[in-house]
Amino acid sequence: ELLVTFLSEAPTMLETLKTAVAKEDADAYRRAAHSIKSNAEIFGATALADLSRRMELTRLSDAPPPVGDLETMWSDTEKALKALHNA
């Protein structure tokens, strides 16, 4: 059930992150990155968790956030988690 919840909620978390970047809302950006990181850690998605952690710890104003990289990594992670769930 937790995996299904993560799979369904992660796209919303990513949208929240993108909206925070667009609005330059550092607090919302940090919270969204933290949520993605925490969930990814639970399911052993270490690459996704590591990138999310770096995003969480980097101030929004310090560098362009790697949102595109995170989305690509999420897509790969989603496929792997779905394959495990259906196995």
PDB file of N, CA and C in Angstrom:
ATOM      1  N   GLU A   1       0.817  -1.200   0.000  1.00  0.00           N
ATOM      2  CA  GLU A   1       0.000   0.000   0.000  1.00  0.00           C
ATOM      3  C   GLU A   1       0.856   1.256   0.000  1.00  0.00           C
ATOM      4  N   LEU A   2       1.965   1.241   0.756  1.00  0.00           N
ATOM      5  CA  LEU A   2       2.838   2.413   0.795  1.00  0.00           C
ATOM      6  C   LEU A   2       3.445   2.692  -0.573  1.00  0.00           C
ATOM      7  N   LEU A   3       3.830   1.641  -1.272  1.00  0.00           N
ATOM      8  CA  LEU A   3       4.409   1.816  -2.596  1.00  0.00           C
ATOM      9  C   LEU A   3       3.390   2.425  -3.555  1.00  0.00           C
ATOM     10  N   VAL A   4       2.187   1.923  -3.528  1.00  0.00           N
ATOM     11  CA  VAL A   4       1.127   2.450  -4.394  1.00  0.00           C
ATOM     12  C   VAL A   4       0.876   3.927  -4.077  1.00  0.00           C
ATOM     13  N   THR A   5       0.886   4.257  -2.800  1.00  0.00           N
ATOM     14  CA  THR A   5       0.692   5.650  -2.393  1.00  0.00           C
ATOM     15  C   THR A   5       1.821   6.519  -2.929  1.00  0.00           C
ATOM     16  N   PHE A   6       3.059   6.066  -2.783  1.00  0.00           N
ATOM     17  CA  PHE A   6       4.193   6.838  -3.281  1.00  0.00           C
ATOM     18  C   PHE A   6       4.100   7.016  -4.789  1.00  0.00           C
ATOM     19  N   LEU A   7       3.785   5.953  -5.494  1.00  0.00           N
ATOM     20  CA  LEU A   7       3.669   6.044  -6.954  1.00  0.00           C
ATOM     21  C   LEU A   7       2.597   7.037  -7.382  1.00  0.00           C
ATOM     22  N   SER A   8       1.533   7.119  -6.617  1.00  0.00           N
ATOM     23  CA  SER A   8       0.454   8.046  -6.992  1.00  0.00           C
ATOM     24  C   SER A   8       0.718   9.472  -6.532  1.00  0.00           C
ATOM     25  N   GLU A   9       1.469   9.637  -5.439  1.00  0.00           N
ATOM     26  CA  GLU A   9       1.699  10.984  -4.895  1.00  0.00           C
ATOM     27  C   GLU A   9       2.963  11.660  -5.412  1.00  0.00           C
ATOM     28  N   ALA A  10       3.919  10.910  -5.896  1.00  0.00           N
ATOM     29  CA  ALA A  10       5.182  11.496  -6.355  1.00  0.00           C
ATOM     30  C   ALA A  10       4.989  12.520  -7.479  1.00  0.00           C
ATOM     31  N   PRO A  11       4.130  12.265  -8.463  1.00  0.00           N
ATOM     32  CA  PRO A  11       3.936  13.293  -9.489  1.00  0.00           C
ATOM     33  C   PRO A  11       3.438  14.627  -8.910  1.00  0.00           C
ATOM     34  N   THR A  12       2.604  14.566  -7.895  1.00  0.00           N
ATOM     35  CA  THR A  12       2.139  15.789  -7.241  1.00  0.00           C
ATOM     36  C   THR A  12       3.290  16.474  -6.517  1.00  0.00           C
ATOM     37  N   MET A  13       4.147  15.688  -5.878  1.00  0.00           N
ATOM     38  CA  MET A  13       5.320  16.257  -5.206  1.00  0.00           C
ATOM     39  C   MET A  13       6.229  16.967  -6.218  1.00  0.00           C
ATOM     40  N   LEU A  14       6.410  16.357  -7.381  1.00  0.00           N
ATOM     41  CA  LEU A  14       7.235  16.974  -8.416  1.00  0.00           C
ATOM     42  C   LEU A  14       6.608  18.275  -8.920  1.00  0.00           C
ATOM     43  N   GLU A  15       5.302  18.274  -9.091  1.00  0.00           N
ATOM     44  CA  GLU A  15       4.625  19.499  -9.516  1.00  0.00           C
ATOM     45  C   GLU A  15       4.744  20.589  -8.462  1.00  0.00           C
ATOM     46  N   THR A  16       4.637  20.214  -7.205  1.00  0.00           N
ATOM     47  CA  THR A  16       4.813  21.169  -6.109  1.00  0.00           C
ATOM     48  C   THR A  16       6.215  21.759  -6.154  1.00  0.00           C
ATOM     49  N   LEU A  17       7.198  20.928  -6.408  1.00  0.00           N
ATOM     50  CA  LEU A  17       8.583  21.380  -6.503  1.00  0.00           C
ATOM     51  C   LEU A  17       8.737  22.369  -7.662  1.00  0.00           C
ATOM     52  N   LYS A  18       8.194  22.037  -8.811  1.00  0.00           N
ATOM     53  CA  LYS A  18       8.293  22.919  -9.980  1.00  0.00           C
ATOM     54  C   LYS A  18       7.578  24.245  -9.742  1.00  0.00           C
ATOM     55  N   THR A  19       6.430  24.189  -9.101  1.00  0.00           N
ATOM     56  CA  THR A  19       5.698  25.416  -8.784  1.00  0.00           C
ATOM     57  C   THR A  19       6.498  26.279  -7.823  1.00  0.00           C
ATOM     58  N   ALA A  20       7.122  25.651  -6.848  1.00  0.00           N
ATOM     59  CA  ALA A  20       7.944  26.393  -5.887  1.00  0.00           C
ATOM     60  C   ALA A  20       9.101  27.086  -6.592  1.00  0.00           C
ATOM     61  N   VAL A  21       9.711  26.413  -7.551  1.00  0.00           N
ATOM     62  CA  VAL A  21      10.803  27.027  -8.314  1.00  0.00           C
ATOM     63  C   VAL A  21      10.274  28.226  -9.089  1.00  0.00           C
ATOM     64  N   ALA A  22       9.152  28.030  -9.772  1.00  0.00           N
ATOM     65  CA  ALA A  22       8.580  29.114 -10.577  1.00  0.00           C
ATOM     66  C   ALA A  22       8.212  30.323  -9.722  1.00  0.00           C
ATOM     67  N   LYS A  23       7.738  30.073  -8.522  1.00  0.00           N
ATOM     68  CA  LYS A  23       7.328  31.160  -7.626  1.00  0.00           C
ATOM     69  C   LYS A  23       8.469  31.640  -6.729  1.00  0.00           C
ATOM     70  N   GLU A  24       9.633  30.996  -6.887  1.00  0.00           N
ATOM     71  CA  GLU A  24      10.794  31.306  -6.042  1.00  0.00           C
ATOM     72  C   GLU A  24      10.452  31.191  -4.557  1.00  0.00           C
ATOM     73  N   ASP A  25       9.686  30.149  -4.236  1.00  0.00           N
ATOM     74  CA  ASP A  25       9.267  29.872  -2.862  1.00  0.00           C
ATOM     75  C   ASP A  25      10.237  28.855  -2.262  1.00  0.00           C
ATOM     76  N   ALA A  26      11.263  29.356  -1.603  1.00  0.00           N
ATOM     77  CA  ALA A  26      12.322  28.494  -1.082  1.00  0.00           C
ATOM     78  C   ALA A  26      11.817  27.483  -0.059  1.00  0.00           C
ATOM     79  N   ASP A  27      10.889  27.889   0.786  1.00  0.00           N
ATOM     80  CA  ASP A  27      10.386  26.979   1.813  1.00  0.00           C
ATOM     81  C   ASP A  27       9.597  25.817   1.188  1.00  0.00           C
ATOM     82  N   ALA A  28       8.729  26.117   0.245  1.00  0.00           N
ATOM     83  CA  ALA A  28       7.965  25.066  -0.434  1.00  0.00           C
ATOM     84  C   ALA A  28       8.892  24.151  -1.233  1.00  0.00           C
ATOM     85  N   TYR A  29       9.925  24.734  -1.822  1.00  0.00           N
ATOM     86  CA  TYR A  29      10.917  23.962  -2.577  1.00  0.00           C
ATOM     87  C   TYR A  29      11.619  22.966  -1.648  1.00  0.00           C
ATOM     88  N   ARG A  30      12.079  23.443  -0.498  1.00  0.00           N
ATOM     89  CA  ARG A  30      12.771  22.591   0.456  1.00  0.00           C
ATOM     90  C   ARG A  30      11.863  21.474   0.959  1.00  0.00           C
ATOM     91  N   ARG A  31      10.610  21.819   1.279  1.00  0.00           N
ATOM     92  CA  ARG A  31       9.659  20.803   1.782  1.00  0.00           C
ATOM     93  C   ARG A  31       9.375  19.739   0.720  1.00  0.00           C
ATOM     94  N   ALA A  32       9.187  20.170  -0.527  1.00  0.00           N
ATOM     95  CA  ALA A  32       8.899  19.203  -1.594  1.00  0.00           C
ATOM     96  C   ALA A  32      10.100  18.284  -1.823  1.00  0.00           C
ATOM     97  N   ALA A  33      11.301  18.858  -1.860  1.00  0.00           N
ATOM     98  CA  ALA A  33      12.501  18.037  -2.039  1.00  0.00           C
ATOM     99  C   ALA A  33      12.654  17.061  -0.875  1.00  0.00           C
ATOM    100  N   HIS A  34      12.365  17.526   0.331  1.00  0.00           N
ATOM    101  CA  HIS A  34      12.443  16.672   1.518  1.00  0.00           C
ATOM    102  C   HIS A  34      11.445  15.507   1.416  1.00  0.00           C
ATOM    103  N   SER A  35      10.236  15.786   0.982  1.00  0.00           N
ATOM    104  CA  SER A  35       9.215  14.732   0.862  1.00  0.00           C
ATOM    105  C   SER A  35       9.628  13.675  -0.151  1.00  0.00           C
ATOM    106  N   ILE A  36      10.147  14.130  -1.285  1.00  0.00           N
ATOM    107  CA  ILE A  36      10.593  13.182  -2.311  1.00  0.00           C
ATOM    108  C   ILE A  36      11.740  12.345  -1.765  1.00  0.00           C
ATOM    109  N   LYS A  37      12.708  12.999  -1.108  1.00  0.00           N
ATOM    110  CA  LYS A  37      13.861  12.313  -0.533  1.00  0.00           C
ATOM    111  C   LYS A  37      13.420  11.240   0.469  1.00  0.00           C
ATOM    112  N   SER A  38      12.561  11.616   1.379  1.00  0.00           N
ATOM    113  CA  SER A  38      12.125  10.692   2.428  1.00  0.00           C
ATOM    114  C   SER A  38      11.432   9.474   1.847  1.00  0.00           C
ATOM    115  N   ASN A  39      10.549   9.692   0.903  1.00  0.00           N
ATOM    116  CA  ASN A  39       9.842   8.574   0.282  1.00  0.00           C
ATOM    117  C   ASN A  39      10.791   7.701  -0.529  1.00  0.00           C
ATOM    118  N   ALA A  40      11.706   8.318  -1.264  1.00  0.00           N
ATOM    119  CA  ALA A  40      12.654   7.543  -2.066  1.00  0.00           C
ATOM    120  C   ALA A  40      13.530   6.667  -1.167  1.00  0.00           C
ATOM    121  N   GLU A  41      13.929   7.197  -0.020  1.00  0.00           N
ATOM    122  CA  GLU A  41      14.750   6.413   0.912  1.00  0.00           C
ATOM    123  C   GLU A  41      14.018   5.181   1.405  1.00  0.00           C
ATOM    124  N   ILE A  42      12.742   5.315   1.670  1.00  0.00           N
ATOM    125  CA  ILE A  42      11.945   4.188   2.168  1.00  0.00           C
ATOM    126  C   ILE A  42      11.989   3.017   1.197  1.00  0.00           C
ATOM    127  N   PHE A  43      11.975   3.316  -0.105  1.00  0.00           N
ATOM    128  CA  PHE A  43      11.894   2.253  -1.111  1.00  0.00           C
ATOM    129  C   PHE A  43      13.241   1.938  -1.742  1.00  0.00           C
ATOM    130  N   GLY A  44      14.318   2.451  -1.157  1.00  0.00           N
ATOM    131  CA  GLY A  44      15.650   2.110  -1.639  1.00  0.00           C
ATOM    132  C   GLY A  44      16.029   2.762  -2.952  1.00  0.00           C
ATOM    133  N   ALA A  45      15.344   3.816  -3.319  1.00  0.00           N
ATOM    134  CA  ALA A  45      15.665   4.551  -4.549  1.00  0.00           C
ATOM    135  C   ALA A  45      16.746   5.574  -4.213  1.00  0.00           C
ATOM    136  N   THR A  46      17.973   5.066  -4.025  1.00  0.00           N
ATOM    137  CA  THR A  46      19.042   5.890  -3.469  1.00  0.00           C
ATOM    138  C   THR A  46      19.454   7.044  -4.382  1.00  0.00           C
ATOM    139  N   ALA A  47      19.486   6.833  -5.676  1.00  0.00           N
ATOM    140  CA  ALA A  47      19.882   7.918  -6.577  1.00  0.00           C
ATOM    141  C   ALA A  47      18.868   9.061  -6.509  1.00  0.00           C
ATOM    142  N   LEU A  48      17.602   8.718  -6.505  1.00  0.00           N
ATOM    143  CA  LEU A  48      16.548   9.730  -6.383  1.00  0.00           C
ATOM    144  C   LEU A  48      16.624  10.424  -5.027  1.00  0.00           C
ATOM    145  N   ALA A  49      16.851   9.661  -3.985  1.00  0.00           N
ATOM    146  CA  ALA A  49      16.968  10.237  -2.642  1.00  0.00           C
ATOM    147  C   ALA A  49      18.179  11.160  -2.551  1.00  0.00           C
ATOM    148  N   ASP A  50      19.295  10.754  -3.135  1.00  0.00           N
ATOM    149  CA  ASP A  50      20.509  11.577  -3.073  1.00  0.00           C
ATOM    150  C   ASP A  50      20.324  12.905  -3.797  1.00  0.00           C
ATOM    151  N   LEU A  51      19.756  12.869  -4.981  1.00  0.00           N
ATOM    152  CA  LEU A  51      19.528  14.113  -5.720  1.00  0.00           C
ATOM    153  C   LEU A  51      18.534  15.001  -4.968  1.00  0.00           C
ATOM    154  N   SER A  52      17.485  14.426  -4.447  1.00  0.00           N
ATOM    155  CA  SER A  52      16.507  15.186  -3.673  1.00  0.00           C
ATOM    156  C   SER A  52      17.143  15.807  -2.439  1.00  0.00           C
ATOM    157  N   ARG A  53      18.026  15.059  -1.787  1.00  0.00           N
ATOM    158  CA  ARG A  53      18.722  15.563  -0.603  1.00  0.00           C
ATOM    159  C   ARG A  53      19.581  16.770  -0.980  1.00  0.00           C
ATOM    160  N   ARG A  54      20.323  16.646  -2.081  1.00  0.00           N
ATOM    161  CA  ARG A  54      21.149  17.782  -2.516  1.00  0.00           C
ATOM    162  C   ARG A  54      20.277  19.001  -2.809  1.00  0.00           C
ATOM    163  N   MET A  55      19.132  18.777  -3.416  1.00  0.00           N
ATOM    164  CA  MET A  55      18.217  19.877  -3.708  1.00  0.00           C
ATOM    165  C   MET A  55      17.672  20.485  -2.418  1.00  0.00           C
ATOM    166  N   GLU A  56      17.340  19.636  -1.481  1.00  0.00           N
ATOM    167  CA  GLU A  56      16.804  20.098  -0.202  1.00  0.00           C
ATOM    168  C   GLU A  56      17.805  20.980   0.536  1.00  0.00           C
ATOM    169  N   LEU A  57      19.080  20.630   0.448  1.00  0.00           N
ATOM    170  CA  LEU A  57      20.108  21.328   1.190  1.00  0.00           C
ATOM    171  C   LEU A  57      20.696  22.538   0.456  1.00  0.00           C
ATOM    172  N   THR A  58      20.359  22.682  -0.814  1.00  0.00           N
ATOM    173  CA  THR A  58      20.860  23.795  -1.605  1.00  0.00           C
ATOM    174  C   THR A  58      19.813  24.896  -1.636  1.00  0.00           C
ATOM    175  N   ARG A  59      20.254  26.090  -1.336  1.00  0.00           N
ATOM    176  CA  ARG A  59      19.308  27.207  -1.390  1.00  0.00           C
ATOM    177  C   ARG A  59      18.852  27.410  -2.821  1.00  0.00           C
ATOM    178  N   LEU A  60      17.615  27.712  -2.976  1.00  0.00           N
ATOM    179  CA  LEU A  60      17.007  27.896  -4.286  1.00  0.00           C
ATOM    180  C   LEU A  60      17.737  28.977  -5.075  1.00  0.00           C
ATOM    181  N   SER A  61      18.255  29.969  -4.396  1.00  0.00           N
ATOM    182  CA  SER A  61      18.921  31.078  -5.070  1.00  0.00           C
ATOM    183  C   SER A  61      20.388  30.783  -5.413  1.00  0.00           C
ATOM    184  N   ASP A  62      20.943  29.684  -4.918  1.00  0.00           N
ATOM    185  CA  ASP A  62      22.363  29.393  -5.130  1.00  0.00           C
ATOM    186  C   ASP A  62      22.686  28.925  -6.545  1.00  0.00           C
ATOM    187  N   ALA A  63      21.818  28.162  -7.130  1.00  0.00           N
ATOM    188  CA  ALA A  63      22.073  27.597  -8.455  1.00  0.00           C
ATOM    189  C   ALA A  63      20.745  27.179  -9.063  1.00  0.00           C
ATOM    190  N   PRO A  64      20.710  27.077 -10.379  1.00  0.00           N
ATOM    191  CA  PRO A  64      19.468  26.578 -10.986  1.00  0.00           C
ATOM    192  C   PRO A  64      19.185  25.164 -10.483  1.00  0.00           C
ATOM    193  N   PRO A  65      17.992  24.937  -9.966  1.00  0.00           N
ATOM    194  CA  PRO A  65      17.685  23.602  -9.442  1.00  0.00           C
ATOM    195  C   PRO A  65      17.577  22.578 -10.577  1.00  0.00           C
ATOM    196  N   PRO A  66      18.095  21.379 -10.352  1.00  0.00           N
ATOM    197  CA  PRO A  66      18.079  20.340 -11.386  1.00  0.00           C
ATOM    198  C   PRO A  66      16.728  19.605 -11.463  1.00  0.00           C
ATOM    199  N   VAL A  67      15.675  20.363 -11.661  1.00  0.00           N
ATOM    200  CA  VAL A  67      14.336  19.768 -11.681  1.00  0.00           C
ATOM    201  C   VAL A  67      14.189  18.779 -12.827  1.00  0.00           C
ATOM    202  N   GLY A  68      14.728  19.120 -13.994  1.00  0.00           N
ATOM    203  CA  GLY A  68      14.652  18.203 -15.136  1.00  0.00           C
ATOM    204  C   GLY A  68      15.337  16.883 -14.854  1.00  0.00           C
ATOM    205  N   ASP A  69      16.495  16.956 -14.206  1.00  0.00           N
ATOM    206  CA  ASP A  69      17.211  15.729 -13.833  1.00  0.00           C
ATOM    207  C   ASP A  69      16.388  14.901 -12.850  1.00  0.00           C
ATOM    208  N   LEU A  70      15.749  15.588 -11.913  1.00  0.00           N
ATOM    209  CA  LEU A  70      14.925  14.889 -10.930  1.00  0.00           C
ATOM    210  C   LEU A  70      13.731  14.216 -11.605  1.00  0.00           C
ATOM    211  N   GLU A  71      13.124  14.899 -12.561  1.00  0.00           N
ATOM    212  CA  GLU A  71      11.986  14.302 -13.274  1.00  0.00           C
ATOM    213  C   GLU A  71      12.415  13.065 -14.053  1.00  0.00           C
ATOM    214  N   THR A  72      13.562  13.139 -14.710  1.00  0.00           N
ATOM    215  CA  THR A  72      14.070  11.977 -15.453  1.00  0.00           C
ATOM    216  C   THR A  72      14.369  10.824 -14.509  1.00  0.00           C
ATOM    217  N   MET A  73      14.999  11.152 -13.385  1.00  0.00           N
ATOM    218  CA  MET A  73      15.317  10.125 -12.402  1.00  0.00           C
ATOM    219  C   MET A  73      14.029   9.515 -11.831  1.00  0.00           C
ATOM    220  N   TRP A  74      13.015  10.342 -11.603  1.00  0.00           N
ATOM    221  CA  TRP A  74      11.741   9.831 -11.105  1.00  0.00           C
ATOM    222  C   TRP A  74      11.135   8.872 -12.121  1.00  0.00           C
ATOM    223  N   SER A  75      11.184   9.229 -13.397  1.00  0.00           N
ATOM    224  CA  SER A  75      10.612   8.366 -14.434  1.00  0.00           C
ATOM    225  C   SER A  75      11.264   6.985 -14.411  1.00  0.00           C
ATOM    226  N   ASP A  76      12.586   6.954 -14.315  1.00  0.00           N
ATOM    227  CA  ASP A  76      13.305   5.678 -14.252  1.00  0.00           C
ATOM    228  C   ASP A  76      12.951   4.915 -12.970  1.00  0.00           C
ATOM    229  N   THR A  77      12.884   5.639 -11.865  1.00  0.00           N
ATOM    230  CA  THR A  77      12.559   5.024 -10.571  1.00  0.00           C
ATOM    231  C   THR A  77      11.143   4.469 -10.586  1.00  0.00           C
ATOM    232  N   GLU A  78      10.225   5.236 -11.140  1.00  0.00           N
ATOM    233  CA  GLU A  78       8.829   4.798 -11.215  1.00  0.00           C
ATOM    234  C   GLU A  78       8.713   3.480 -11.983  1.00  0.00           C
ATOM    235  N   LYS A  79       9.405   3.383 -13.105  1.00  0.00           N
ATOM    236  CA  LYS A  79       9.370   2.147 -13.897  1.00  0.00           C
ATOM    237  C   LYS A  79       9.902   0.963 -13.086  1.00  0.00           C
ATOM    238  N   ALA A  80      11.010   1.186 -12.380  1.00  0.00           N
ATOM    239  CA  ALA A  80      11.611   0.104 -11.588  1.00  0.00           C
ATOM    240  C   ALA A  80      10.708  -0.318 -10.438  1.00  0.00           C
ATOM    241  N   LEU A  81      10.104   0.654  -9.761  1.00  0.00           N
ATOM    242  CA  LEU A  81       9.213   0.327  -8.635  1.00  0.00           C
ATOM    243  C   LEU A  81       7.951  -0.387  -9.116  1.00  0.00           C
ATOM    244  N   LYS A  82       7.427   0.035 -10.245  1.00  0.00           N
ATOM    245  CA  LYS A  82       6.253  -0.649 -10.802  1.00  0.00           C
ATOM    246  C   LYS A  82       6.583  -2.082 -11.182  1.00  0.00           C
ATOM    247  N   ALA A  83       7.767  -2.296 -11.740  1.00  0.00           N
ATOM    248  CA  ALA A  83       8.180  -3.646 -12.113  1.00  0.00           C
ATOM    249  C   ALA A  83       8.315  -4.526 -10.868  1.00  0.00           C
ATOM    250  N   LEU A  84       8.866  -3.973  -9.795  1.00  0.00           N
ATOM    251  CA  LEU A  84       8.970  -4.732  -8.543  1.00  0.00           C
ATOM    252  C   LEU A  84       7.597  -5.036  -7.956  1.00  0.00           C
ATOM    253  N   HIS A  85       6.719  -4.057  -8.039  1.00  0.00           N
ATOM    254  CA  HIS A  85       5.360  -4.217  -7.490  1.00  0.00           C
ATOM    255  C   HIS A  85       4.584  -5.294  -8.251  1.00  0.00           C
ATOM    256  N   ASN A  86       4.810  -5.361  -9.555  1.00  0.00           N
ATOM    257  CA  ASN A  86       4.072  -6.324 -10.378  1.00  0.00           C
ATOM    258  C   ASN A  86       4.732  -7.689 -10.438  1.00  0.00           C
ATOM    259  N   ALA A  87       5.928  -7.808  -9.872  1.00  0.00           N
ATOM    260  CA  ALA A  87       6.655  -9.093  -9.934  1.00  0.00           C
ATOM    261  C   ALA A  87       6.049 -10.119  -9.004  1.00  0.00           C
TER     262      ALA A  87
END
